Amino acid sequence: MIITVDSEIELRALAPKENEMVYKAIDENRGHLRKWLAWVDYMTSAADYIEIIQIWQNAIDEGSGMQLGIFYRGSFVGMCGYNEIFSMSHRGQIGYWIVKEAEGRGIVSRSVEALIQYGFEVVDLNRIEIICGVFNYRSRALPESLGFVKEGVMKEYEYLYDHFHDCIIYRQLKAEYEDWKSLL
């Protein structure tokens, strides 16, 4: 599976043999990623990613998820995709992360925008959700800039290492997406 975002960015499914690449990106960015991603400390070796990448591939094959590597100018810089796809209810939930050195170039924004289009036009979703930590302002800016609606705050939604934190759920419906797109 490959989604070409633009001339600089490609989203694609990873192969288990790319486990070293994923591990290296995460290991070099632990401090950056750890603040908002609960799984970072639990992935301690490249071998941990062989099974995870296979799980991601199985989810793509089953239509229950779509985790894709973000490649910026040919280099792996993060992950973006549908953490879950609920085909019976035509709903999907997008997640993303990027290495520190690639921030500030619109890479995640462009990638998520392509995923939204793919979700509505190819996967036939009617609702797309993004969940962000209340105090993760950088992550929250993304759905807000893409026309998502803030539905509410979910108290103590996630556990991050030593504390619970609140999250905001954003949504975009297919009709809202079409309205937002027509304004561009």
N, C-alpha and C. Protein backbone atom coordinates (compact mmCIF):
# COMPACT_ATOMS: atom_id res chain seq x y z
N MET A 1 0.83 -1.18 0.00
CA MET A 1 0.00 0.00 0.00
C MET A 1 0.88 1.24 0.00
N ILE A 2 0.63 2.12 -0.93
CA ILE A 2 1.37 3.38 -1.05
C ILE A 2 0.38 4.50 -1.34
N ILE A 3 0.53 5.61 -0.63
CA ILE A 3 -0.23 6.82 -0.91
C ILE A 3 0.79 7.91 -1.20
N THR A 4 0.77 8.43 -2.42
CA THR A 4 1.66 9.54 -2.76
C THR A 4 0.97 10.82 -2.33
N VAL A 5 1.58 11.53 -1.40
CA VAL A 5 1.00 12.75 -0.86
C VAL A 5 1.29 13.92 -1.80
N ASP A 6 2.56 14.08 -2.16
CA ASP A 6 2.99 15.12 -3.08
C ASP A 6 4.39 14.75 -3.55
N SER A 7 5.09 15.69 -4.16
CA SER A 7 6.42 15.38 -4.71
C SER A 7 7.46 15.09 -3.63
N GLU A 8 7.18 15.44 -2.37
CA GLU A 8 8.14 15.22 -1.29
C GLU A 8 7.78 14.08 -0.35
N ILE A 9 6.50 13.73 -0.28
CA ILE A 9 6.02 12.82 0.76
C ILE A 9 5.31 11.61 0.17
N GLU A 10 5.67 10.46 0.73
CA GLU A 10 5.00 9.21 0.37
C GLU A 10 4.67 8.48 1.67
N LEU A 11 3.46 7.95 1.74
CA LEU A 11 3.05 7.10 2.85
C LEU A 11 3.03 5.68 2.32
N ARG A 12 3.64 4.75 3.07
CA ARG A 12 3.61 3.37 2.58
C ARG A 12 3.70 2.39 3.72
N ALA A 13 3.13 1.22 3.45
CA ALA A 13 3.20 0.12 4.41
C ALA A 13 4.65 -0.31 4.55
N LEU A 14 5.00 -0.72 5.74
CA LEU A 14 6.37 -1.16 6.02
C LEU A 14 6.46 -2.67 5.96
N ALA A 15 7.64 -3.15 5.68
CA ALA A 15 7.94 -4.59 5.70
C ALA A 15 8.67 -4.90 7.00
N PRO A 16 8.49 -6.12 7.54
CA PRO A 16 9.19 -6.48 8.78
C PRO A 16 10.70 -6.25 8.72
N LYS A 17 11.29 -6.35 7.53
CA LYS A 17 12.74 -6.14 7.42
C LYS A 17 13.14 -4.68 7.64
N GLU A 18 12.16 -3.78 7.73
CA GLU A 18 12.45 -2.36 7.98
C GLU A 18 12.40 -2.03 9.47
N ASN A 19 12.40 -3.06 10.30
CA ASN A 19 12.33 -2.88 11.76
C ASN A 19 13.47 -2.03 12.30
N GLU A 20 14.67 -2.19 11.77
CA GLU A 20 15.82 -1.41 12.25
C GLU A 20 15.61 0.08 12.01
N MET A 21 15.06 0.41 10.86
CA MET A 21 14.81 1.79 10.48
C MET A 21 13.82 2.44 11.46
N VAL A 22 12.74 1.73 11.76
CA VAL A 22 11.72 2.26 12.68
C VAL A 22 12.32 2.42 14.08
N TYR A 23 12.99 1.37 14.54
CA TYR A 23 13.58 1.43 15.87
C TYR A 23 14.57 2.59 16.00
N LYS A 24 15.42 2.77 15.01
CA LYS A 24 16.43 3.84 15.06
C LYS A 24 15.75 5.21 15.17
N ALA A 25 14.71 5.44 14.39
CA ALA A 25 14.00 6.72 14.44
C ALA A 25 13.40 6.96 15.83
N ILE A 26 12.81 5.92 16.40
CA ILE A 26 12.20 6.07 17.72
C ILE A 26 13.27 6.21 18.80
N ASP A 27 14.29 5.38 18.72
CA ASP A 27 15.34 5.42 19.73
C ASP A 27 16.04 6.78 19.78
N GLU A 28 16.27 7.37 18.62
CA GLU A 28 16.92 8.68 18.56
C GLU A 28 16.00 9.83 18.97
N ASN A 29 14.70 9.53 19.10
CA ASN A 29 13.71 10.57 19.42
C ASN A 29 12.90 10.24 20.67
N ARG A 30 13.43 9.39 21.53
CA ARG A 30 12.67 8.95 22.71
C ARG A 30 12.17 10.12 23.56
N GLY A 31 13.04 11.06 23.86
CA GLY A 31 12.63 12.19 24.69
C GLY A 31 11.53 13.01 24.04
N HIS A 32 11.64 13.18 22.75
CA HIS A 32 10.65 13.94 21.97
C HIS A 32 9.31 13.22 21.92
N LEU A 33 9.32 11.91 21.66
CA LEU A 33 8.09 11.14 21.48
C LEU A 33 7.45 10.71 22.79
N ARG A 34 8.25 10.48 23.79
CA ARG A 34 7.78 9.92 25.05
C ARG A 34 6.73 10.79 25.74
N LYS A 35 6.80 12.08 25.55
CA LYS A 35 5.90 12.98 26.26
C LYS A 35 4.43 12.67 25.98
N TRP A 36 4.12 12.19 24.76
CA TRP A 36 2.72 11.97 24.40
C TRP A 36 2.40 10.56 23.94
N LEU A 37 3.39 9.69 23.81
CA LEU A 37 3.15 8.33 23.32
C LEU A 37 3.54 7.32 24.40
N ALA A 38 2.54 6.60 24.91
CA ALA A 38 2.75 5.71 26.05
C ALA A 38 3.58 4.47 25.73
N TRP A 39 3.72 4.12 24.48
CA TRP A 39 4.40 2.88 24.11
C TRP A 39 5.92 3.02 23.93
N VAL A 40 6.43 4.21 23.90
CA VAL A 40 7.84 4.44 23.54
C VAL A 40 8.80 3.67 24.44
N ASP A 41 8.62 3.71 25.76
CA ASP A 41 9.54 3.04 26.67
C ASP A 41 9.48 1.53 26.59
N TYR A 42 8.39 1.00 26.05
CA TYR A 42 8.21 -0.45 26.00
C TYR A 42 8.81 -1.09 24.76
N MET A 43 9.23 -0.29 23.82
CA MET A 43 9.85 -0.79 22.60
C MET A 43 11.35 -0.56 22.74
N THR A 44 12.06 -1.62 23.16
CA THR A 44 13.45 -1.46 23.57
C THR A 44 14.48 -2.05 22.61
N SER A 45 14.00 -2.65 21.51
CA SER A 45 14.95 -3.20 20.55
C SER A 45 14.33 -3.23 19.16
N ALA A 46 15.18 -3.30 18.15
CA ALA A 46 14.69 -3.39 16.77
C ALA A 46 13.85 -4.65 16.58
N ALA A 47 14.19 -5.71 17.28
CA ALA A 47 13.43 -6.97 17.16
C ALA A 47 11.97 -6.79 17.58
N ASP A 48 11.71 -5.86 18.51
CA ASP A 48 10.33 -5.61 18.94
C ASP A 48 9.44 -5.19 17.77
N TYR A 49 10.03 -4.58 16.76
CA TYR A 49 9.25 -4.06 15.65
C TYR A 49 8.94 -5.07 14.55
N ILE A 50 9.60 -6.20 14.56
CA ILE A 50 9.30 -7.21 13.54
C ILE A 50 7.85 -7.65 13.66
N GLU A 51 7.44 -8.02 14.87
CA GLU A 51 6.06 -8.46 15.10
C GLU A 51 5.07 -7.31 14.93
N ILE A 52 5.43 -6.13 15.41
CA ILE A 52 4.53 -4.97 15.30
C ILE A 52 4.26 -4.65 13.83
N ILE A 53 5.28 -4.63 13.02
CA ILE A 53 5.09 -4.34 11.59
C ILE A 53 4.21 -5.41 10.94
N GLN A 54 4.35 -6.65 11.35
CA GLN A 54 3.49 -7.71 10.82
C GLN A 54 2.04 -7.49 11.26
N ILE A 55 1.84 -7.05 12.49
CA ILE A 55 0.49 -6.73 12.98
C ILE A 55 -0.10 -5.60 12.15
N TRP A 56 0.72 -4.57 11.86
CA TRP A 56 0.25 -3.46 11.03
C TRP A 56 -0.15 -3.97 9.64
N GLN A 57 0.66 -4.86 9.06
CA GLN A 57 0.35 -5.40 7.74
C GLN A 57 -0.95 -6.22 7.77
N ASN A 58 -1.12 -7.02 8.81
CA ASN A 58 -2.36 -7.80 8.95
C ASN A 58 -3.58 -6.90 9.04
N ALA A 59 -3.45 -5.81 9.77
CA ALA A 59 -4.57 -4.86 9.90
C ALA A 59 -4.92 -4.25 8.55
N ILE A 60 -3.91 -3.94 7.75
CA ILE A 60 -4.17 -3.42 6.39
C ILE A 60 -4.90 -4.48 5.58
N ASP A 61 -4.40 -5.71 5.63
CA ASP A 61 -5.02 -6.80 4.87
C ASP A 61 -6.46 -7.06 5.30
N GLU A 62 -6.74 -6.90 6.60
CA GLU A 62 -8.09 -7.15 7.13
C GLU A 62 -9.00 -5.93 7.03
N GLY A 63 -8.43 -4.77 6.73
CA GLY A 63 -9.22 -3.54 6.65
C GLY A 63 -9.57 -2.96 8.01
N SER A 64 -8.82 -3.36 9.06
CA SER A 64 -9.11 -2.87 10.41
C SER A 64 -8.17 -1.76 10.87
N GLY A 65 -7.19 -1.43 10.05
CA GLY A 65 -6.24 -0.38 10.37
C GLY A 65 -5.33 -0.13 9.19
N MET A 66 -4.54 0.94 9.28
CA MET A 66 -3.67 1.28 8.17
C MET A 66 -2.51 2.13 8.69
N GLN A 67 -1.51 1.50 9.29
CA GLN A 67 -0.33 2.20 9.78
C GLN A 67 0.67 2.30 8.63
N LEU A 68 1.05 3.52 8.29
CA LEU A 68 1.94 3.75 7.16
C LEU A 68 3.15 4.58 7.58
N GLY A 69 4.29 4.23 7.04
CA GLY A 69 5.48 5.03 7.28
C GLY A 69 5.41 6.31 6.48
N ILE A 70 5.91 7.39 7.07
CA ILE A 70 6.01 8.67 6.36
C ILE A 70 7.43 8.77 5.82
N PHE A 71 7.54 8.91 4.51
CA PHE A 71 8.85 9.07 3.86
C PHE A 71 8.90 10.45 3.24
N TYR A 72 9.81 11.27 3.75
CA TYR A 72 9.98 12.65 3.29
C TYR A 72 11.28 12.71 2.50
N ARG A 73 11.15 13.01 1.22
CA ARG A 73 12.30 13.02 0.31
C ARG A 73 13.09 11.72 0.40
N GLY A 74 12.35 10.63 0.54
CA GLY A 74 12.94 9.30 0.56
C GLY A 74 13.39 8.79 1.92
N SER A 75 13.37 9.64 2.93
CA SER A 75 13.82 9.23 4.27
C SER A 75 12.63 8.99 5.20
N PHE A 76 12.73 7.96 6.00
CA PHE A 76 11.69 7.65 6.98
C PHE A 76 11.73 8.68 8.09
N VAL A 77 10.58 9.33 8.35
CA VAL A 77 10.53 10.37 9.38
C VAL A 77 9.42 10.18 10.40
N GLY A 78 8.61 9.14 10.26
CA GLY A 78 7.55 8.93 11.23
C GLY A 78 6.49 7.98 10.72
N MET A 79 5.37 7.98 11.44
CA MET A 79 4.24 7.12 11.09
C MET A 79 2.97 7.94 11.09
N CYS A 80 2.05 7.50 10.26
CA CYS A 80 0.76 8.18 10.14
C CYS A 80 -0.22 7.15 9.60
N GLY A 81 -1.41 7.14 10.12
CA GLY A 81 -2.36 6.20 9.57
C GLY A 81 -3.60 6.07 10.41
N TYR A 82 -4.39 5.09 10.04
CA TYR A 82 -5.60 4.77 10.78
C TYR A 82 -5.26 3.74 11.85
N ASN A 83 -5.26 4.17 13.11
CA ASN A 83 -5.02 3.23 14.21
C ASN A 83 -6.08 2.16 14.20
N GLU A 84 -7.29 2.57 13.89
CA GLU A 84 -8.42 1.64 13.81
C GLU A 84 -9.36 2.08 12.70
N ILE A 85 -9.91 1.10 12.03
CA ILE A 85 -10.97 1.33 11.05
C ILE A 85 -12.13 0.43 11.44
N PHE A 86 -13.28 1.02 11.65
CA PHE A 86 -14.48 0.27 11.99
C PHE A 86 -15.38 0.29 10.75
N SER A 87 -15.20 -0.69 9.89
CA SER A 87 -15.88 -0.68 8.59
C SER A 87 -17.40 -0.76 8.73
N MET A 88 -17.90 -1.48 9.73
CA MET A 88 -19.35 -1.60 9.90
C MET A 88 -20.00 -0.24 10.20
N SER A 89 -19.28 0.62 10.91
CA SER A 89 -19.83 1.94 11.23
C SER A 89 -19.21 3.04 10.37
N HIS A 90 -18.37 2.67 9.38
CA HIS A 90 -17.75 3.63 8.46
C HIS A 90 -17.02 4.73 9.22
N ARG A 91 -16.21 4.30 10.20
CA ARG A 91 -15.50 5.23 11.07
C ARG A 91 -14.04 4.82 11.17
N GLY A 92 -13.15 5.81 11.21
CA GLY A 92 -11.73 5.55 11.39
C GLY A 92 -11.11 6.55 12.33
N GLN A 93 -10.00 6.15 12.96
CA GLN A 93 -9.30 7.02 13.90
C GLN A 93 -7.84 7.16 13.46
N ILE A 94 -7.43 8.38 13.23
CA ILE A 94 -6.08 8.68 12.73
C ILE A 94 -5.12 8.97 13.88
N GLY A 95 -3.90 8.46 13.74
CA GLY A 95 -2.82 8.77 14.67
C GLY A 95 -1.57 9.11 13.87
N TYR A 96 -0.62 9.78 14.51
CA TYR A 96 0.60 10.20 13.81
C TYR A 96 1.69 10.54 14.80
N TRP A 97 2.93 10.42 14.35
CA TRP A 97 4.10 10.92 15.07
C TRP A 97 5.20 11.19 14.04
N ILE A 98 6.10 12.08 14.42
CA ILE A 98 7.19 12.44 13.51
C ILE A 98 8.45 12.72 14.33
N VAL A 99 9.60 12.45 13.73
CA VAL A 99 10.86 12.73 14.42
C VAL A 99 11.04 14.24 14.57
N LYS A 100 11.77 14.62 15.61
CA LYS A 100 11.95 16.03 15.95
C LYS A 100 12.52 16.85 14.78
N GLU A 101 13.54 16.31 14.11
CA GLU A 101 14.22 17.09 13.06
C GLU A 101 13.32 17.35 11.85
N ALA A 102 12.22 16.63 11.71
CA ALA A 102 11.33 16.81 10.56
C ALA A 102 10.14 17.71 10.87
N GLU A 103 10.02 18.16 12.10
CA GLU A 103 8.91 19.03 12.47
C GLU A 103 8.99 20.37 11.75
N GLY A 104 7.85 21.02 11.63
CA GLY A 104 7.80 22.39 11.11
C GLY A 104 7.84 22.51 9.60
N ARG A 105 7.67 21.42 8.88
CA ARG A 105 7.70 21.46 7.42
C ARG A 105 6.34 21.11 6.80
N GLY A 106 5.33 20.92 7.66
CA GLY A 106 4.01 20.56 7.15
C GLY A 106 3.89 19.11 6.71
N ILE A 107 4.84 18.29 7.10
CA ILE A 107 4.86 16.90 6.65
C ILE A 107 3.66 16.13 7.20
N VAL A 108 3.42 16.25 8.50
CA VAL A 108 2.30 15.52 9.10
C VAL A 108 0.98 16.08 8.61
N SER A 109 0.87 17.38 8.51
CA SER A 109 -0.37 18.00 8.03
C SER A 109 -0.73 17.52 6.62
N ARG A 110 0.25 17.53 5.73
CA ARG A 110 0.00 17.07 4.36
C ARG A 110 -0.32 15.58 4.33
N SER A 111 0.36 14.82 5.18
CA SER A 111 0.12 13.38 5.23
C SER A 111 -1.28 13.07 5.74
N VAL A 112 -1.69 13.74 6.81
CA VAL A 112 -3.03 13.51 7.37
C VAL A 112 -4.09 13.96 6.38
N GLU A 113 -3.86 15.06 5.72
CA GLU A 113 -4.83 15.52 4.72
C GLU A 113 -5.02 14.47 3.62
N ALA A 114 -3.94 13.84 3.18
CA ALA A 114 -4.05 12.77 2.18
C ALA A 114 -4.78 11.56 2.74
N LEU A 115 -4.54 11.25 4.01
CA LEU A 115 -5.23 10.12 4.66
C LEU A 115 -6.73 10.38 4.78
N ILE A 116 -7.08 11.62 5.07
CA ILE A 116 -8.49 11.99 5.17
C ILE A 116 -9.17 11.78 3.82
N GLN A 117 -8.56 12.31 2.79
CA GLN A 117 -9.11 12.14 1.44
C GLN A 117 -9.24 10.66 1.10
N TYR A 118 -8.21 9.88 1.39
CA TYR A 118 -8.22 8.45 1.12
C TYR A 118 -9.34 7.76 1.92
N GLY A 119 -9.48 8.15 3.17
CA GLY A 119 -10.52 7.56 4.03
C GLY A 119 -11.92 7.80 3.51
N PHE A 120 -12.20 9.03 3.10
CA PHE A 120 -13.54 9.35 2.61
C PHE A 120 -13.78 8.81 1.21
N GLU A 121 -12.79 8.92 0.35
CA GLU A 121 -13.01 8.59 -1.06
C GLU A 121 -12.74 7.13 -1.42
N VAL A 122 -11.84 6.47 -0.71
CA VAL A 122 -11.49 5.09 -1.06
C VAL A 122 -12.04 4.09 -0.04
N VAL A 123 -11.84 4.36 1.24
CA VAL A 123 -12.28 3.43 2.29
C VAL A 123 -13.77 3.56 2.57
N ASP A 124 -14.38 4.64 2.10
CA ASP A 124 -15.82 4.90 2.30
C ASP A 124 -16.17 5.17 3.75
N LEU A 125 -15.32 5.93 4.43
CA LEU A 125 -15.62 6.33 5.80
C LEU A 125 -16.61 7.48 5.78
N ASN A 126 -17.38 7.58 6.83
CA ASN A 126 -18.28 8.71 7.02
C ASN A 126 -17.80 9.61 8.15
N ARG A 127 -16.98 9.06 9.05
CA ARG A 127 -16.51 9.80 10.21
C ARG A 127 -15.04 9.46 10.45
N ILE A 128 -14.23 10.50 10.64
CA ILE A 128 -12.82 10.33 10.97
C ILE A 128 -12.57 11.06 12.28
N GLU A 129 -11.86 10.39 13.19
CA GLU A 129 -11.56 10.96 14.50
C GLU A 129 -10.06 11.12 14.68
N ILE A 130 -9.69 12.13 15.45
CA ILE A 130 -8.31 12.31 15.90
C ILE A 130 -8.39 12.63 17.38
N ILE A 131 -7.59 11.92 18.17
CA ILE A 131 -7.58 12.13 19.62
C ILE A 131 -6.21 12.69 20.00
N CYS A 132 -6.22 13.81 20.75
CA CYS A 132 -4.98 14.48 21.15
C CYS A 132 -5.01 14.80 22.64
N GLY A 133 -3.85 14.79 23.26
CA GLY A 133 -3.75 15.24 24.64
C GLY A 133 -4.16 16.70 24.74
N VAL A 134 -4.88 17.04 25.80
CA VAL A 134 -5.36 18.41 25.99
C VAL A 134 -4.21 19.42 25.93
N PHE A 135 -3.07 19.07 26.49
CA PHE A 135 -1.94 19.99 26.52
C PHE A 135 -0.93 19.76 25.39
N ASN A 136 -1.28 18.89 24.45
CA ASN A 136 -0.42 18.66 23.29
C ASN A 136 -0.85 19.64 22.19
N TYR A 137 -0.49 20.88 22.38
CA TYR A 137 -0.96 21.96 21.50
C TYR A 137 -0.52 21.78 20.05
N ARG A 138 0.68 21.29 19.86
CA ARG A 138 1.18 21.09 18.49
C ARG A 138 0.31 20.05 17.76
N SER A 139 -0.01 18.96 18.43
CA SER A 139 -0.84 17.92 17.83
C SER A 139 -2.26 18.42 17.62
N ARG A 140 -2.79 19.16 18.56
CA ARG A 140 -4.16 19.69 18.46
C ARG A 140 -4.29 20.67 17.29
N ALA A 141 -3.24 21.38 16.97
CA ALA A 141 -3.30 22.35 15.88
C ALA A 141 -3.61 21.69 14.55
N LEU A 142 -3.21 20.43 14.40
CA LEU A 142 -3.42 19.74 13.13
C LEU A 142 -4.91 19.53 12.82
N PRO A 143 -5.69 18.84 13.66
CA PRO A 143 -7.11 18.69 13.32
C PRO A 143 -7.85 20.03 13.26
N GLU A 144 -7.44 20.96 14.09
CA GLU A 144 -8.09 22.27 14.07
C GLU A 144 -7.84 22.99 12.75
N SER A 145 -6.64 22.82 12.17
CA SER A 145 -6.33 23.47 10.90
C SER A 145 -6.98 22.77 9.71
N LEU A 146 -7.38 21.52 9.91
CA LEU A 146 -7.98 20.74 8.82
C LEU A 146 -9.51 20.68 8.91
N GLY A 147 -10.10 21.58 9.68
CA GLY A 147 -11.55 21.68 9.72
C GLY A 147 -12.26 20.67 10.59
N PHE A 148 -11.52 19.99 11.48
CA PHE A 148 -12.17 19.05 12.40
C PHE A 148 -12.94 19.81 13.48
N VAL A 149 -13.95 19.17 14.04
CA VAL A 149 -14.78 19.73 15.09
C VAL A 149 -14.37 19.10 16.42
N LYS A 150 -14.15 19.94 17.42
CA LYS A 150 -13.85 19.44 18.76
C LYS A 150 -15.16 18.97 19.38
N GLU A 151 -15.24 17.67 19.68
CA GLU A 151 -16.46 17.12 20.25
C GLU A 151 -16.47 17.17 21.76
N GLY A 152 -15.31 17.06 22.38
CA GLY A 152 -15.29 17.10 23.83
C GLY A 152 -13.98 16.65 24.41
N VAL A 153 -13.89 16.78 25.73
CA VAL A 153 -12.72 16.36 26.48
C VAL A 153 -13.05 15.04 27.17
N MET A 154 -12.15 14.10 27.04
CA MET A 154 -12.30 12.80 27.69
C MET A 154 -11.35 12.78 28.89
N LYS A 155 -11.91 12.83 30.08
CA LYS A 155 -11.13 12.90 31.31
C LYS A 155 -10.32 11.63 31.53
N GLU A 156 -9.07 11.82 31.91
CA GLU A 156 -8.16 10.72 32.24
C GLU A 156 -8.25 9.59 31.22
N TYR A 157 -8.19 9.95 29.96
CA TYR A 157 -8.39 9.01 28.86
C TYR A 157 -7.20 8.08 28.64
N GLU A 158 -5.98 8.60 28.83
CA GLU A 158 -4.78 7.80 28.60
C GLU A 158 -3.90 7.82 29.84
N TYR A 159 -3.15 6.73 29.98
CA TYR A 159 -2.16 6.64 31.06
C TYR A 159 -0.79 6.77 30.43
N LEU A 160 -0.04 7.78 30.86
CA LEU A 160 1.31 8.02 30.34
C LEU A 160 2.33 7.79 31.46
N TYR A 161 2.84 6.58 31.55
CA TYR A 161 3.94 6.20 32.42
C TYR A 161 3.64 6.32 33.91
N ASP A 162 3.26 7.52 34.37
CA ASP A 162 3.03 7.68 35.81
C ASP A 162 1.80 8.53 36.12
N HIS A 163 1.01 8.85 35.10
CA HIS A 163 -0.16 9.68 35.35
C HIS A 163 -1.19 9.51 34.22
N PHE A 164 -2.43 9.82 34.57
CA PHE A 164 -3.49 9.87 33.56
C PHE A 164 -3.51 11.29 32.99
N HIS A 165 -3.93 11.39 31.74
CA HIS A 165 -4.10 12.73 31.18
C HIS A 165 -5.37 12.78 30.34
N ASP A 166 -5.89 13.98 30.23
CA ASP A 166 -7.13 14.21 29.49
C ASP A 166 -6.82 14.34 28.00
N CYS A 167 -7.77 13.92 27.19
CA CYS A 167 -7.62 14.03 25.74
C CYS A 167 -8.85 14.69 25.13
N ILE A 168 -8.65 15.28 23.98
CA ILE A 168 -9.74 15.89 23.21
C ILE A 168 -10.01 14.98 22.02
N ILE A 169 -11.29 14.75 21.75
CA ILE A 169 -11.66 14.01 20.55
C ILE A 169 -12.17 15.00 19.52
N TYR A 170 -11.57 14.94 18.36
CA TYR A 170 -11.97 15.74 17.20
C TYR A 170 -12.61 14.81 16.19
N ARG A 171 -13.55 15.36 15.41
CA ARG A 171 -14.15 14.55 14.36
C ARG A 171 -14.35 15.38 13.11
N GLN A 172 -14.38 14.65 11.99
CA GLN A 172 -14.77 15.24 10.72
C GLN A 172 -15.68 14.23 10.04
N LEU A 173 -16.85 14.70 9.66
CA LEU A 173 -17.78 13.88 8.90
C LEU A 173 -17.54 14.12 7.42
N LYS A 174 -17.94 13.18 6.61
CA LYS A 174 -17.72 13.30 5.17
C LYS A 174 -18.34 14.58 4.62
N ALA A 175 -19.55 14.92 5.04
CA ALA A 175 -20.21 16.14 4.57
C ALA A 175 -19.44 17.39 5.01
N GLU A 176 -18.89 17.36 6.23
CA GLU A 176 -18.10 18.49 6.71
C GLU A 176 -16.81 18.63 5.90
N TYR A 177 -16.22 17.50 5.57
CA TYR A 177 -15.00 17.50 4.76
C TYR A 177 -15.28 18.13 3.40
N GLU A 178 -16.38 17.74 2.78
CA GLU A 178 -16.72 18.29 1.47
C GLU A 178 -16.98 19.78 1.55
N ASP A 179 -17.63 20.24 2.62
CA ASP A 179 -17.85 21.68 2.82
C ASP A 179 -16.52 22.41 3.02
N TRP A 180 -15.64 21.83 3.88
CA TRP A 180 -14.34 22.43 4.16
C TRP A 180 -13.49 22.50 2.89
N LYS A 181 -13.52 21.43 2.13
CA LYS A 181 -12.73 21.35 0.89
C LYS A 181 -13.20 22.41 -0.11
N SER A 182 -14.49 22.66 -0.16
CA SER A 182 -15.02 23.64 -1.12
C SER A 182 -14.60 25.07 -0.78
N LEU A 183 -14.20 25.30 0.48
CA LEU A 183 -13.76 26.64 0.90
C LEU A 183 -12.32 26.93 0.51
N LEU A 184 -11.57 25.88 0.16
CA LEU A 184 -10.14 26.06 -0.15
C LEU A 184 -9.93 26.68 -1.51
